[in-house]
Amino acid sequence: MRMRSLVGETYIALLDGSSIVIGDAYRDVPIKFRREALMLLETELEIEGIKKEDVIQETAPAHSPELHLVNVIKVMREEEEKDPNCDNFTNSGLPNLNKLRSKAGYNVSKDEMLIAWELSNR
């Protein structure tokens, strides 16, 4: 997937320490950056050959991955209240990482889960 920035330069950094700069010329965006890049489609990025209005809004689950995970954890809590046997949370009270990954729709890292968990408890 080739993208370009609409605002000069767009920086994307991941929790694993890797980062990418997308400038005003189209460039290939590696797979591991695409989820974050798709979240910036409305404001900062454009995909080569695709008009913004043709992109389905659901490709970006929320404006930030953390907010998306906080919302998923909220849904998991509601499910747990309705059915205490659904195993959405571990014995230590943290979200079940496999269930969180399934409901979030991507491979959530433990660090991402912990950040979202902390945010959801504020």
N, C-alpha and C. Protein backbone atom coordinates (compact mmCIF):
# COMPACT_ATOMS: atom_id res chain seq x y z
N MET A 1 0.84 -1.16 0.00
CA MET A 1 0.00 0.00 0.00
C MET A 1 0.90 1.24 0.00
N ARG A 2 0.60 2.14 -0.94
CA ARG A 2 1.40 3.37 -1.04
C ARG A 2 0.56 4.53 -0.51
N MET A 3 1.20 5.35 0.31
CA MET A 3 0.51 6.49 0.92
C MET A 3 1.39 7.72 0.82
N ARG A 4 0.75 8.87 0.99
CA ARG A 4 1.50 10.12 1.07
C ARG A 4 0.84 11.00 2.12
N SER A 5 1.62 11.92 2.66
CA SER A 5 1.12 12.83 3.68
C SER A 5 0.45 14.04 3.03
N LEU A 6 -0.62 14.48 3.63
CA LEU A 6 -1.32 15.68 3.17
C LEU A 6 -0.86 16.92 3.93
N VAL A 7 0.01 16.72 4.93
CA VAL A 7 0.43 17.82 5.79
C VAL A 7 1.95 18.01 5.80
N GLY A 8 2.62 17.54 4.76
CA GLY A 8 4.08 17.68 4.68
C GLY A 8 4.78 16.40 5.09
N GLU A 9 4.81 16.12 6.40
CA GLU A 9 5.38 14.88 6.90
C GLU A 9 4.51 14.34 8.02
N THR A 10 4.29 13.04 8.00
CA THR A 10 3.54 12.37 9.04
C THR A 10 4.44 11.33 9.67
N TYR A 11 4.54 11.35 10.98
CA TYR A 11 5.38 10.41 11.71
C TYR A 11 4.50 9.37 12.40
N ILE A 12 4.89 8.11 12.26
CA ILE A 12 4.19 7.03 12.95
C ILE A 12 5.23 6.24 13.73
N ALA A 13 5.01 6.09 15.02
CA ALA A 13 5.91 5.33 15.88
C ALA A 13 5.12 4.22 16.56
N LEU A 14 5.73 3.05 16.67
CA LEU A 14 5.10 1.91 17.32
C LEU A 14 5.71 1.69 18.69
N LEU A 15 5.01 0.93 19.51
CA LEU A 15 5.50 0.66 20.86
C LEU A 15 6.78 -0.16 20.86
N ASP A 16 7.07 -0.88 19.77
CA ASP A 16 8.31 -1.67 19.72
C ASP A 16 9.53 -0.82 19.38
N GLY A 17 9.35 0.47 19.21
CA GLY A 17 10.46 1.39 18.93
C GLY A 17 10.67 1.70 17.47
N SER A 18 9.98 1.00 16.57
CA SER A 18 10.15 1.28 15.15
C SER A 18 9.28 2.47 14.75
N SER A 19 9.73 3.18 13.72
CA SER A 19 8.99 4.35 13.27
C SER A 19 9.15 4.52 11.77
N ILE A 20 8.29 5.36 11.20
CA ILE A 20 8.31 5.64 9.77
C ILE A 20 7.89 7.10 9.57
N VAL A 21 8.46 7.72 8.55
CA VAL A 21 8.06 9.07 8.16
C VAL A 21 7.45 8.96 6.77
N ILE A 22 6.26 9.48 6.62
CA ILE A 22 5.58 9.49 5.32
C ILE A 22 5.56 10.95 4.87
N GLY A 23 6.21 11.21 3.75
CA GLY A 23 6.29 12.57 3.22
C GLY A 23 5.21 12.86 2.21
N ASP A 24 5.41 13.93 1.41
CA ASP A 24 4.38 14.33 0.45
C ASP A 24 4.45 13.56 -0.86
N ALA A 25 5.44 12.68 -1.02
CA ALA A 25 5.51 11.80 -2.18
C ALA A 25 5.01 10.41 -1.75
N TYR A 26 4.33 9.71 -2.66
CA TYR A 26 3.83 8.38 -2.33
C TYR A 26 4.99 7.45 -1.98
N ARG A 27 4.81 6.64 -0.96
CA ARG A 27 5.81 5.65 -0.58
C ARG A 27 5.10 4.40 -0.06
N ASP A 28 5.80 3.26 -0.17
CA ASP A 28 5.27 2.03 0.37
C ASP A 28 5.24 2.10 1.89
N VAL A 29 4.14 1.65 2.48
CA VAL A 29 4.01 1.62 3.93
C VAL A 29 4.02 0.16 4.35
N PRO A 30 5.04 -0.26 5.12
CA PRO A 30 5.11 -1.65 5.55
C PRO A 30 3.86 -2.07 6.35
N ILE A 31 3.56 -3.34 6.29
CA ILE A 31 2.35 -3.88 6.91
C ILE A 31 2.23 -3.48 8.38
N LYS A 32 3.33 -3.54 9.13
CA LYS A 32 3.21 -3.30 10.57
C LYS A 32 2.81 -1.87 10.92
N PHE A 33 2.90 -0.93 9.96
CA PHE A 33 2.51 0.46 10.21
C PHE A 33 1.12 0.78 9.67
N ARG A 34 0.52 -0.14 8.94
CA ARG A 34 -0.71 0.19 8.21
C ARG A 34 -1.89 0.49 9.11
N ARG A 35 -2.04 -0.23 10.21
CA ARG A 35 -3.19 0.01 11.09
C ARG A 35 -3.16 1.44 11.61
N GLU A 36 -1.99 1.87 12.08
CA GLU A 36 -1.87 3.24 12.57
C GLU A 36 -2.03 4.25 11.44
N ALA A 37 -1.49 3.93 10.27
CA ALA A 37 -1.60 4.83 9.12
C ALA A 37 -3.06 4.99 8.70
N LEU A 38 -3.82 3.91 8.71
CA LEU A 38 -5.22 3.98 8.32
C LEU A 38 -6.02 4.87 9.27
N MET A 39 -5.60 4.94 10.51
CA MET A 39 -6.30 5.81 11.47
C MET A 39 -6.08 7.29 11.16
N LEU A 40 -5.08 7.60 10.36
CA LEU A 40 -4.78 8.99 10.02
C LEU A 40 -5.33 9.41 8.66
N LEU A 41 -6.09 8.53 8.02
CA LEU A 41 -6.59 8.82 6.67
C LEU A 41 -7.40 10.10 6.60
N GLU A 42 -8.26 10.32 7.55
CA GLU A 42 -9.12 11.50 7.52
C GLU A 42 -8.33 12.80 7.57
N THR A 43 -7.28 12.83 8.38
CA THR A 43 -6.64 14.10 8.68
C THR A 43 -5.28 14.32 8.01
N GLU A 44 -4.51 13.24 7.84
CA GLU A 44 -3.13 13.44 7.43
C GLU A 44 -2.66 12.65 6.21
N LEU A 45 -3.27 11.53 5.90
CA LEU A 45 -2.73 10.66 4.86
C LEU A 45 -3.72 10.39 3.74
N GLU A 46 -3.17 9.95 2.62
CA GLU A 46 -3.95 9.60 1.44
C GLU A 46 -3.35 8.33 0.84
N ILE A 47 -4.21 7.41 0.41
CA ILE A 47 -3.75 6.18 -0.23
C ILE A 47 -3.73 6.40 -1.74
N GLU A 48 -2.66 5.96 -2.37
CA GLU A 48 -2.53 6.13 -3.81
C GLU A 48 -3.65 5.38 -4.54
N GLY A 49 -4.35 6.08 -5.42
CA GLY A 49 -5.39 5.48 -6.24
C GLY A 49 -6.74 5.33 -5.57
N ILE A 50 -6.88 5.79 -4.34
CA ILE A 50 -8.15 5.66 -3.62
C ILE A 50 -8.56 7.04 -3.11
N LYS A 51 -9.79 7.43 -3.40
CA LYS A 51 -10.30 8.69 -2.89
C LYS A 51 -10.71 8.50 -1.43
N LYS A 52 -10.53 9.54 -0.64
CA LYS A 52 -10.88 9.45 0.79
C LYS A 52 -12.33 9.00 0.99
N GLU A 53 -13.23 9.52 0.18
CA GLU A 53 -14.64 9.17 0.36
C GLU A 53 -14.94 7.71 0.04
N ASP A 54 -14.03 7.02 -0.68
CA ASP A 54 -14.21 5.61 -0.99
C ASP A 54 -13.74 4.70 0.13
N VAL A 55 -13.00 5.23 1.08
CA VAL A 55 -12.48 4.41 2.17
C VAL A 55 -13.56 4.25 3.22
N ILE A 56 -13.84 3.02 3.60
CA ILE A 56 -14.85 2.74 4.61
C ILE A 56 -14.33 3.20 5.96
N GLN A 57 -15.10 3.95 6.67
CA GLN A 57 -14.67 4.49 7.95
C GLN A 57 -14.31 3.41 8.96
N GLU A 58 -14.86 2.23 8.83
CA GLU A 58 -14.61 1.18 9.80
C GLU A 58 -13.17 0.66 9.75
N THR A 59 -12.36 1.06 8.75
CA THR A 59 -10.98 0.60 8.73
C THR A 59 -10.20 1.16 9.90
N ALA A 60 -10.62 2.27 10.44
CA ALA A 60 -9.97 2.85 11.62
C ALA A 60 -10.94 2.70 12.79
N PRO A 61 -10.68 1.76 13.69
CA PRO A 61 -11.63 1.47 14.75
C PRO A 61 -11.88 2.63 15.69
N ALA A 62 -10.93 3.53 15.84
CA ALA A 62 -11.07 4.71 16.69
C ALA A 62 -9.96 5.67 16.28
N HIS A 63 -9.95 6.84 16.87
CA HIS A 63 -8.91 7.79 16.51
C HIS A 63 -7.56 7.43 17.08
N SER A 64 -7.53 6.54 18.06
CA SER A 64 -6.25 6.07 18.57
C SER A 64 -6.40 4.61 18.96
N PRO A 65 -5.33 3.83 18.84
CA PRO A 65 -5.42 2.42 19.22
C PRO A 65 -5.77 2.27 20.70
N GLU A 66 -5.26 3.17 21.54
CA GLU A 66 -5.54 3.08 22.96
C GLU A 66 -7.03 3.28 23.23
N LEU A 67 -7.62 4.27 22.59
CA LEU A 67 -9.05 4.53 22.78
C LEU A 67 -9.87 3.34 22.31
N HIS A 68 -9.48 2.76 21.21
CA HIS A 68 -10.18 1.57 20.71
C HIS A 68 -10.12 0.45 21.74
N LEU A 69 -8.93 0.21 22.31
CA LEU A 69 -8.79 -0.86 23.29
C LEU A 69 -9.55 -0.55 24.58
N VAL A 70 -9.57 0.70 24.99
CA VAL A 70 -10.35 1.08 26.17
C VAL A 70 -11.82 0.75 25.94
N ASN A 71 -12.33 1.05 24.74
CA ASN A 71 -13.72 0.74 24.41
C ASN A 71 -13.97 -0.76 24.38
N VAL A 72 -13.01 -1.52 23.86
CA VAL A 72 -13.14 -2.98 23.83
C VAL A 72 -13.18 -3.53 25.26
N ILE A 73 -12.31 -3.02 26.13
CA ILE A 73 -12.30 -3.46 27.53
C ILE A 73 -13.63 -3.13 28.20
N LYS A 74 -14.19 -1.99 27.87
CA LYS A 74 -15.50 -1.61 28.43
C LYS A 74 -16.56 -2.63 28.02
N VAL A 75 -16.54 -3.03 26.74
CA VAL A 75 -17.49 -4.04 26.27
C VAL A 75 -17.24 -5.37 26.97
N MET A 76 -15.98 -5.72 27.17
CA MET A 76 -15.65 -6.97 27.87
C MET A 76 -16.18 -6.95 29.31
N ARG A 77 -16.10 -5.80 29.97
CA ARG A 77 -16.64 -5.67 31.34
C ARG A 77 -18.15 -5.87 31.34
N GLU A 78 -18.82 -5.27 30.36
CA GLU A 78 -20.28 -5.41 30.27
C GLU A 78 -20.66 -6.87 30.03
N GLU A 79 -19.91 -7.56 29.16
CA GLU A 79 -20.17 -8.98 28.91
C GLU A 79 -19.95 -9.80 30.17
N GLU A 80 -18.91 -9.45 30.93
CA GLU A 80 -18.58 -10.17 32.17
C GLU A 80 -19.68 -9.99 33.21
N GLU A 81 -20.27 -8.78 33.24
CA GLU A 81 -21.37 -8.54 34.18
C GLU A 81 -22.58 -9.40 33.84
N LYS A 82 -22.85 -9.56 32.53
CA LYS A 82 -23.99 -10.37 32.10
C LYS A 82 -23.73 -11.86 32.28
N ASP A 83 -22.48 -12.28 32.02
CA ASP A 83 -22.12 -13.70 32.11
C ASP A 83 -20.75 -13.84 32.77
N PRO A 84 -20.72 -14.04 34.09
CA PRO A 84 -19.44 -14.13 34.81
C PRO A 84 -18.56 -15.29 34.35
N ASN A 85 -19.10 -16.23 33.61
CA ASN A 85 -18.32 -17.39 33.15
C ASN A 85 -17.72 -17.19 31.76
N CYS A 86 -17.78 -15.99 31.22
CA CYS A 86 -17.30 -15.78 29.84
C CYS A 86 -15.77 -15.67 29.76
N ASP A 87 -15.08 -15.60 30.90
CA ASP A 87 -13.61 -15.60 30.95
C ASP A 87 -12.97 -14.46 30.18
N ASN A 88 -13.58 -13.27 30.21
CA ASN A 88 -12.97 -12.11 29.56
C ASN A 88 -11.78 -11.58 30.35
N PHE A 89 -11.71 -11.96 31.65
CA PHE A 89 -10.64 -11.47 32.50
C PHE A 89 -9.96 -12.63 33.20
N THR A 90 -8.66 -12.45 33.49
CA THR A 90 -7.88 -13.49 34.16
C THR A 90 -8.19 -13.47 35.66
N ASN A 91 -7.66 -14.44 36.39
CA ASN A 91 -7.85 -14.48 37.85
C ASN A 91 -7.24 -13.25 38.52
N SER A 92 -6.24 -12.64 37.91
CA SER A 92 -5.61 -11.45 38.49
C SER A 92 -6.41 -10.18 38.18
N GLY A 93 -7.47 -10.30 37.37
CA GLY A 93 -8.32 -9.16 37.07
C GLY A 93 -8.01 -8.45 35.76
N LEU A 94 -6.89 -8.82 35.12
CA LEU A 94 -6.53 -8.21 33.83
C LEU A 94 -7.35 -8.81 32.70
N PRO A 95 -7.50 -8.07 31.61
CA PRO A 95 -8.20 -8.64 30.45
C PRO A 95 -7.47 -9.88 29.92
N ASN A 96 -8.24 -10.87 29.53
CA ASN A 96 -7.70 -12.06 28.88
C ASN A 96 -7.16 -11.61 27.52
N LEU A 97 -5.85 -11.71 27.33
CA LEU A 97 -5.21 -11.14 26.14
C LEU A 97 -5.73 -11.78 24.85
N ASN A 98 -5.98 -13.07 24.85
CA ASN A 98 -6.50 -13.73 23.65
C ASN A 98 -7.91 -13.24 23.31
N LYS A 99 -8.74 -13.05 24.34
CA LYS A 99 -10.10 -12.53 24.10
C LYS A 99 -10.03 -11.08 23.62
N LEU A 100 -9.12 -10.30 24.23
CA LEU A 100 -8.96 -8.90 23.82
C LEU A 100 -8.53 -8.81 22.37
N ARG A 101 -7.57 -9.64 21.98
CA ARG A 101 -7.11 -9.66 20.58
C ARG A 101 -8.26 -9.99 19.63
N SER A 102 -9.03 -10.97 20.00
CA SER A 102 -10.16 -11.39 19.16
C SER A 102 -11.18 -10.26 19.00
N LYS A 103 -11.51 -9.62 20.09
CA LYS A 103 -12.52 -8.56 20.04
C LYS A 103 -12.00 -7.27 19.42
N ALA A 104 -10.69 -7.00 19.57
CA ALA A 104 -10.10 -5.78 19.00
C ALA A 104 -9.89 -5.92 17.50
N GLY A 105 -9.71 -7.15 17.03
CA GLY A 105 -9.54 -7.37 15.60
C GLY A 105 -8.10 -7.30 15.12
N TYR A 106 -7.15 -7.30 16.05
CA TYR A 106 -5.74 -7.32 15.66
C TYR A 106 -4.91 -7.88 16.80
N ASN A 107 -3.65 -8.15 16.54
CA ASN A 107 -2.75 -8.77 17.51
C ASN A 107 -2.27 -7.74 18.53
N VAL A 108 -3.02 -7.56 19.59
CA VAL A 108 -2.70 -6.60 20.64
C VAL A 108 -1.52 -7.13 21.45
N SER A 109 -0.52 -6.29 21.67
CA SER A 109 0.61 -6.71 22.50
C SER A 109 0.24 -6.58 23.97
N LYS A 110 1.02 -7.24 24.83
CA LYS A 110 0.76 -7.15 26.27
C LYS A 110 0.94 -5.71 26.74
N ASP A 111 1.95 -5.02 26.21
CA ASP A 111 2.17 -3.62 26.60
C ASP A 111 0.98 -2.73 26.21
N GLU A 112 0.45 -2.94 25.00
CA GLU A 112 -0.73 -2.16 24.57
C GLU A 112 -1.91 -2.43 25.49
N MET A 113 -2.08 -3.71 25.86
CA MET A 113 -3.17 -4.08 26.74
C MET A 113 -3.02 -3.39 28.09
N LEU A 114 -1.80 -3.38 28.63
CA LEU A 114 -1.57 -2.77 29.95
C LEU A 114 -1.83 -1.27 29.93
N ILE A 115 -1.43 -0.60 28.84
CA ILE A 115 -1.68 0.85 28.72
C ILE A 115 -3.19 1.10 28.66
N ALA A 116 -3.90 0.34 27.84
CA ALA A 116 -5.34 0.51 27.71
C ALA A 116 -6.03 0.17 29.04
N TRP A 117 -5.53 -0.83 29.74
CA TRP A 117 -6.11 -1.21 31.02
C TRP A 117 -5.97 -0.07 32.02
N GLU A 118 -4.80 0.53 32.06
CA GLU A 118 -4.57 1.66 32.96
C GLU A 118 -5.50 2.82 32.61
N LEU A 119 -5.63 3.12 31.31
CA LEU A 119 -6.53 4.20 30.88
C LEU A 119 -7.98 3.91 31.22
N SER A 120 -8.37 2.65 31.12
CA SER A 120 -9.77 2.29 31.36
C SER A 120 -10.13 2.36 32.84
N ASN A 121 -9.13 2.38 33.70
CA ASN A 121 -9.37 2.43 35.14
C ASN A 121 -9.26 3.83 35.72
N ARG A 122 -9.14 4.84 34.89
CA ARG A 122 -9.05 6.23 35.38
C ARG A 122 -10.41 6.78 35.62
